[in-house]
């Protein structure tokens, strides 16, 4: 594999980003939850109020992977942080430094922006990713449980007073 170049995505990359999201959803066995479209990506990533940023890992032949991230804030550190929403490398490009290059660039961005940390989640069955993150020096937060409000539960809470 040729050298990997990490770059920030632009609006012209929407089709590639959507393809990577589809592949990630299939890998995580969550394709049934996939609702992203090019139009939604255009608005939420490149519209007037972008909700997240995307790094792409290019080599001579293709875009080999991506990282989607957004700003967070730590009250305990009184510093901004970064949440890595998704990191995905195409299967044939795994083990060739693509994921490491994406995370290295994300760490550089975190330092440039004065962030105190980068955090992310990983599915408990995804042992290859867990081992990869541990090799980088990441530590699991076993004493924390992630919660999510979505769909009807989110609507119910939002409109409780109405």
C-alpha atoms as a PDB file:
ATOM      1  CA  UNK A   1       0.000   0.000   0.000  1.00  0.00           C
ATOM      2  CA  UNK A   2       1.253   3.466  -0.792  1.00  0.00           C
ATOM      3  CA  UNK A   3       1.757   6.192   1.776  1.00  0.00           C
ATOM      4  CA  UNK A   4      -1.421   7.415   3.422  1.00  0.00           C
ATOM      5  CA  UNK A   5      -2.290  11.105   3.400  1.00  0.00           C
ATOM      6  CA  UNK A   6      -4.727  12.411   5.995  1.00  0.00           C
ATOM      7  CA  UNK A   7      -6.844  15.403   5.022  1.00  0.00           C
ATOM      8  CA  UNK A   8      -9.978  17.225   6.094  1.00  0.00           C
ATOM      9  CA  UNK A   9     -13.004  16.275   4.048  1.00  0.00           C
ATOM     10  CA  UNK A  10     -14.780  18.795   1.858  1.00  0.00           C
ATOM     11  CA  UNK A  11     -18.279  18.912   0.439  1.00  0.00           C
ATOM     12  CA  UNK A  12     -17.038  17.170  -2.723  1.00  0.00           C
ATOM     13  CA  UNK A  13     -16.320  14.076  -0.580  1.00  0.00           C
ATOM     14  CA  UNK A  14     -19.934  13.452   0.470  1.00  0.00           C
ATOM     15  CA  UNK A  15     -20.409  10.342  -1.699  1.00  0.00           C
ATOM     16  CA  UNK A  16     -17.202   8.790  -0.326  1.00  0.00           C
ATOM     17  CA  UNK A  17     -18.207   9.621   3.257  1.00  0.00           C
ATOM     18  CA  UNK A  18     -21.636   8.052   2.751  1.00  0.00           C
ATOM     19  CA  UNK A  19     -20.047   4.912   1.290  1.00  0.00           C
ATOM     20  CA  UNK A  20     -17.709   4.616   4.294  1.00  0.00           C
ATOM     21  CA  UNK A  21     -20.638   5.095   6.690  1.00  0.00           C
ATOM     22  CA  UNK A  22     -22.550   2.309   4.920  1.00  0.00           C
ATOM     23  CA  UNK A  23     -19.571  -0.023   5.184  1.00  0.00           C
ATOM     24  CA  UNK A  24     -19.135   0.836   8.874  1.00  0.00           C
ATOM     25  CA  UNK A  25     -22.839   0.164   9.547  1.00  0.00           C
ATOM     26  CA  UNK A  26     -22.525  -3.248   7.897  1.00  0.00           C
ATOM     27  CA  UNK A  27     -19.340  -4.071   9.839  1.00  0.00           C
ATOM     28  CA  UNK A  28     -20.999  -3.100  13.141  1.00  0.00           C
ATOM     29  CA  UNK A  29     -24.115  -5.121  12.207  1.00  0.00           C
ATOM     30  CA  UNK A  30     -26.178  -1.918  12.408  1.00  0.00           C
ATOM     31  CA  UNK A  31     -27.115  -1.412   8.751  1.00  0.00           C
ATOM     32  CA  UNK A  32     -30.792  -1.493   9.777  1.00  0.00           C
ATOM     33  CA  UNK A  33     -30.186   1.771  11.694  1.00  0.00           C
ATOM     34  CA  UNK A  34     -28.546   3.509   8.740  1.00  0.00           C
ATOM     35  CA  UNK A  35     -30.489   6.652   7.785  1.00  0.00           C
ATOM     36  CA  UNK A  36     -27.715   8.924   6.476  1.00  0.00           C
ATOM     37  CA  UNK A  37     -28.159  10.459   3.029  1.00  0.00           C
ATOM     38  CA  UNK A  38     -26.006  12.758   0.938  1.00  0.00           C
ATOM     39  CA  UNK A  39     -28.414  15.616   1.658  1.00  0.00           C
ATOM     40  CA  UNK A  40     -28.249  15.099   5.431  1.00  0.00           C
ATOM     41  CA  UNK A  41     -24.456  14.866   5.323  1.00  0.00           C
ATOM     42  CA  UNK A  42     -24.234  18.043   3.260  1.00  0.00           C
ATOM     43  CA  UNK A  43     -26.309  19.948   5.823  1.00  0.00           C
ATOM     44  CA  UNK A  44     -24.847  18.486   9.017  1.00  0.00           C
ATOM     45  CA  UNK A  45     -21.181  18.404   7.962  1.00  0.00           C
ATOM     46  CA  UNK A  46     -20.876  21.336   5.557  1.00  0.00           C
ATOM     47  CA  UNK A  47     -23.926  23.528   6.225  1.00  0.00           C
ATOM     48  CA  UNK A  48     -24.117  26.780   8.180  1.00  0.00           C
ATOM     49  CA  UNK A  49     -23.635  25.010  11.555  1.00  0.00           C
ATOM     50  CA  UNK A  50     -21.481  21.896  11.041  1.00  0.00           C
ATOM     51  CA  UNK A  51     -22.118  19.317  13.765  1.00  0.00           C
ATOM     52  CA  UNK A  52     -18.953  17.309  13.117  1.00  0.00           C
ATOM     53  CA  UNK A  53     -15.751  17.161  11.096  1.00  0.00           C
ATOM     54  CA  UNK A  54     -14.352  14.376   8.948  1.00  0.00           C
ATOM     55  CA  UNK A  55     -10.785  13.294   8.286  1.00  0.00           C
ATOM     56  CA  UNK A  56     -10.136  11.116   5.239  1.00  0.00           C
ATOM     57  CA  UNK A  57      -7.223   8.748   4.721  1.00  0.00           C
ATOM     58  CA  UNK A  58      -6.197   8.769   1.063  1.00  0.00           C
ATOM     59  CA  UNK A  59      -3.658   6.646  -0.744  1.00  0.00           C
ATOM     60  CA  UNK A  60      -2.883   6.571  -4.438  1.00  0.00           C
ATOM     61  CA  UNK A  61      -5.801   4.305  -5.228  1.00  0.00           C
ATOM     62  CA  UNK A  62      -8.698   5.299  -2.975  1.00  0.00           C
ATOM     63  CA  UNK A  63      -9.964   6.737   0.269  1.00  0.00           C
ATOM     64  CA  UNK A  64      -8.967   3.957   2.666  1.00  0.00           C
ATOM     65  CA  UNK A  65     -10.805   5.172   5.771  1.00  0.00           C
ATOM     66  CA  UNK A  66     -12.224   8.028   7.787  1.00  0.00           C
ATOM     67  CA  UNK A  67     -12.654   9.525  11.239  1.00  0.00           C
ATOM     68  CA  UNK A  68     -15.719  11.551  12.237  1.00  0.00           C
ATOM     69  CA  UNK A  69     -15.353  13.745  15.318  1.00  0.00           C
ATOM     70  CA  UNK A  70     -16.817  16.728  17.142  1.00  0.00           C
ATOM     71  CA  UNK A  71     -16.020  19.061  20.018  1.00  0.00           C
ATOM     72  CA  UNK A  72     -16.896  18.232  23.614  1.00  0.00           C
ATOM     73  CA  UNK A  73     -16.187  19.925  26.915  1.00  0.00           C
ATOM     74  CA  UNK A  74     -14.835  18.611  30.209  1.00  0.00           C
ATOM     75  CA  UNK A  75     -16.072  20.510  33.248  1.00  0.00           C
ATOM     76  CA  UNK A  76     -13.514  18.751  35.455  1.00  0.00           C
ATOM     77  CA  UNK A  77     -10.625  19.790  33.217  1.00  0.00           C
ATOM     78  CA  UNK A  78     -12.241  23.089  32.188  1.00  0.00           C
ATOM     79  CA  UNK A  79     -10.983  22.298  28.707  1.00  0.00           C
ATOM     80  CA  UNK A  80     -12.457  21.351  25.371  1.00  0.00           C
ATOM     81  CA  UNK A  81     -12.181  17.790  24.188  1.00  0.00           C
ATOM     82  CA  UNK A  82     -12.862  15.731  21.095  1.00  0.00           C
ATOM     83  CA  UNK A  83     -15.309  12.879  20.746  1.00  0.00           C
ATOM     84  CA  UNK A  84     -14.412  10.399  18.030  1.00  0.00           C
ATOM     85  CA  UNK A  85     -17.796   9.304  16.732  1.00  0.00           C
ATOM     86  CA  UNK A  86     -16.510   6.866  14.121  1.00  0.00           C
ATOM     87  CA  UNK A  87     -13.208   5.469  12.935  1.00  0.00           C
ATOM     88  CA  UNK A  88     -13.360   3.094   9.994  1.00  0.00           C
ATOM     89  CA  UNK A  89     -10.738   1.585   7.714  1.00  0.00           C
ATOM     90  CA  UNK A  90     -11.717  -0.496   4.700  1.00  0.00           C
ATOM     91  CA  UNK A  91     -10.983  -4.197   5.377  1.00  0.00           C
ATOM     92  CA  UNK A  92      -8.209  -4.582   2.793  1.00  0.00           C
ATOM     93  CA  UNK A  93      -6.392  -1.524   4.217  1.00  0.00           C
ATOM     94  CA  UNK A  94      -6.394  -2.673   7.848  1.00  0.00           C
ATOM     95  CA  UNK A  95      -3.089  -3.415   9.542  1.00  0.00           C
ATOM     96  CA  UNK A  96      -1.255  -0.986   7.250  1.00  0.00           C
ATOM     97  CA  UNK A  97      -1.153   2.099   9.466  1.00  0.00           C
ATOM     98  CA  UNK A  98      -4.282   3.842   8.183  1.00  0.00           C
ATOM     99  CA  UNK A  99      -6.119   3.828  11.523  1.00  0.00           C
ATOM    100  CA  UNK A 100      -2.964   4.930  13.341  1.00  0.00           C
ATOM    101  CA  UNK A 101      -2.471   7.784  10.867  1.00  0.00           C
ATOM    102  CA  UNK A 102      -6.066   8.959  11.357  1.00  0.00           C
ATOM    103  CA  UNK A 103      -5.752   8.880  15.149  1.00  0.00           C
ATOM    104  CA  UNK A 104      -2.357  10.582  15.050  1.00  0.00           C
ATOM    105  CA  UNK A 105      -3.830  13.449  13.034  1.00  0.00           C
ATOM    106  CA  UNK A 106      -6.777  13.629  15.420  1.00  0.00           C
ATOM    107  CA  UNK A 107      -4.355  13.820  18.370  1.00  0.00           C
ATOM    108  CA  UNK A 108      -2.494  16.645  16.607  1.00  0.00           C
ATOM    109  CA  UNK A 109      -5.788  18.511  16.146  1.00  0.00           C
ATOM    110  CA  UNK A 110      -6.633  17.980  19.829  1.00  0.00           C
ATOM    111  CA  UNK A 111      -3.280  19.426  20.910  1.00  0.00           C
ATOM    112  CA  UNK A 112      -3.552  22.329  18.437  1.00  0.00           C
ATOM    113  CA  UNK A 113      -6.995  23.193  19.862  1.00  0.00           C
ATOM    114  CA  UNK A 114      -5.945  22.916  23.503  1.00  0.00           C
ATOM    115  CA  UNK A 115      -8.068  19.841  24.164  1.00  0.00           C
ATOM    116  CA  UNK A 116      -7.592  17.817  27.312  1.00  0.00           C
ATOM    117  CA  UNK A 117      -8.682  14.484  25.865  1.00  0.00           C
ATOM    118  CA  UNK A 118     -10.112  12.403  23.056  1.00  0.00           C
ATOM    119  CA  UNK A 119     -12.845   9.922  23.899  1.00  0.00           C
ATOM    120  CA  UNK A 120     -14.804   7.333  21.936  1.00  0.00           C
ATOM    121  CA  UNK A 121     -16.844   4.188  22.290  1.00  0.00           C
ATOM    122  CA  UNK A 122     -16.203   0.718  20.904  1.00  0.00           C
ATOM    123  CA  UNK A 123     -18.563  -2.236  20.670  1.00  0.00           C
ATOM    124  CA  UNK A 124     -17.635  -4.811  23.310  1.00  0.00           C
ATOM    125  CA  UNK A 125     -17.369  -7.610  20.712  1.00  0.00           C
ATOM    126  CA  UNK A 126     -14.962  -5.668  18.475  1.00  0.00           C
ATOM    127  CA  UNK A 127     -11.785  -7.253  19.829  1.00  0.00           C
ATOM    128  CA  UNK A 128      -9.498  -6.195  16.932  1.00  0.00           C
ATOM    129  CA  UNK A 129     -10.362  -2.529  17.568  1.00  0.00           C
ATOM    130  CA  UNK A 130     -10.073  -2.903  21.339  1.00  0.00           C
ATOM    131  CA  UNK A 131      -6.573  -4.358  20.975  1.00  0.00           C
ATOM    132  CA  UNK A 132      -5.620  -1.625  18.471  1.00  0.00           C
ATOM    133  CA  UNK A 133      -6.719   1.120  20.897  1.00  0.00           C
ATOM    134  CA  UNK A 134      -4.861  -0.501  23.799  1.00  0.00           C
ATOM    135  CA  UNK A 135      -1.664  -0.634  21.717  1.00  0.00           C
ATOM    136  CA  UNK A 136      -1.994   3.125  21.231  1.00  0.00           C
ATOM    137  CA  UNK A 137      -2.193   3.619  24.999  1.00  0.00           C
ATOM    138  CA  UNK A 138      -5.955   4.194  25.282  1.00  0.00           C
ATOM    139  CA  UNK A 139      -7.642   2.940  28.427  1.00  0.00           C
ATOM    140  CA  UNK A 140     -11.228   1.708  28.737  1.00  0.00           C
ATOM    141  CA  UNK A 141     -13.543   3.547  31.125  1.00  0.00           C
ATOM    142  CA  UNK A 142     -15.058   0.436  32.668  1.00  0.00           C
ATOM    143  CA  UNK A 143     -16.724   2.377  35.464  1.00  0.00           C
ATOM    144  CA  UNK A 144     -18.896   4.401  33.048  1.00  0.00           C
ATOM    145  CA  UNK A 145     -22.008   3.244  31.203  1.00  0.00           C
ATOM    146  CA  UNK A 146     -23.112   5.053  28.075  1.00  0.00           C
ATOM    147  CA  UNK A 147     -26.783   6.028  27.794  1.00  0.00           C
ATOM    148  CA  UNK A 148     -28.752   7.153  24.752  1.00  0.00           C
ATOM    149  CA  UNK A 149     -32.086   8.858  24.189  1.00  0.00           C
ATOM    150  CA  UNK A 150     -33.360   8.477  20.651  1.00  0.00           C
ATOM    151  CA  UNK A 151     -36.547   8.158  18.625  1.00  0.00           C
ATOM    152  CA  UNK A 152     -39.795   7.986  20.579  1.00  0.00           C
ATOM    153  CA  UNK A 153     -38.074   8.246  23.976  1.00  0.00           C
ATOM    154  CA  UNK A 154     -36.366  11.476  22.914  1.00  0.00           C
ATOM    155  CA  UNK A 155     -39.614  12.895  21.553  1.00  0.00           C
ATOM    156  CA  UNK A 156     -41.500  11.875  24.688  1.00  0.00           C
ATOM    157  CA  UNK A 157     -39.024  13.699  26.938  1.00  0.00           C
ATOM    158  CA  UNK A 158     -38.798  16.766  24.685  1.00  0.00           C
ATOM    159  CA  UNK A 159     -42.556  17.213  24.513  1.00  0.00           C
ATOM    160  CA  UNK A 160     -43.377  16.146  28.087  1.00  0.00           C
ATOM    161  CA  UNK A 161     -44.693  19.603  28.989  1.00  0.00           C
ATOM    162  CA  UNK A 162     -46.987  19.810  25.980  1.00  0.00           C
END
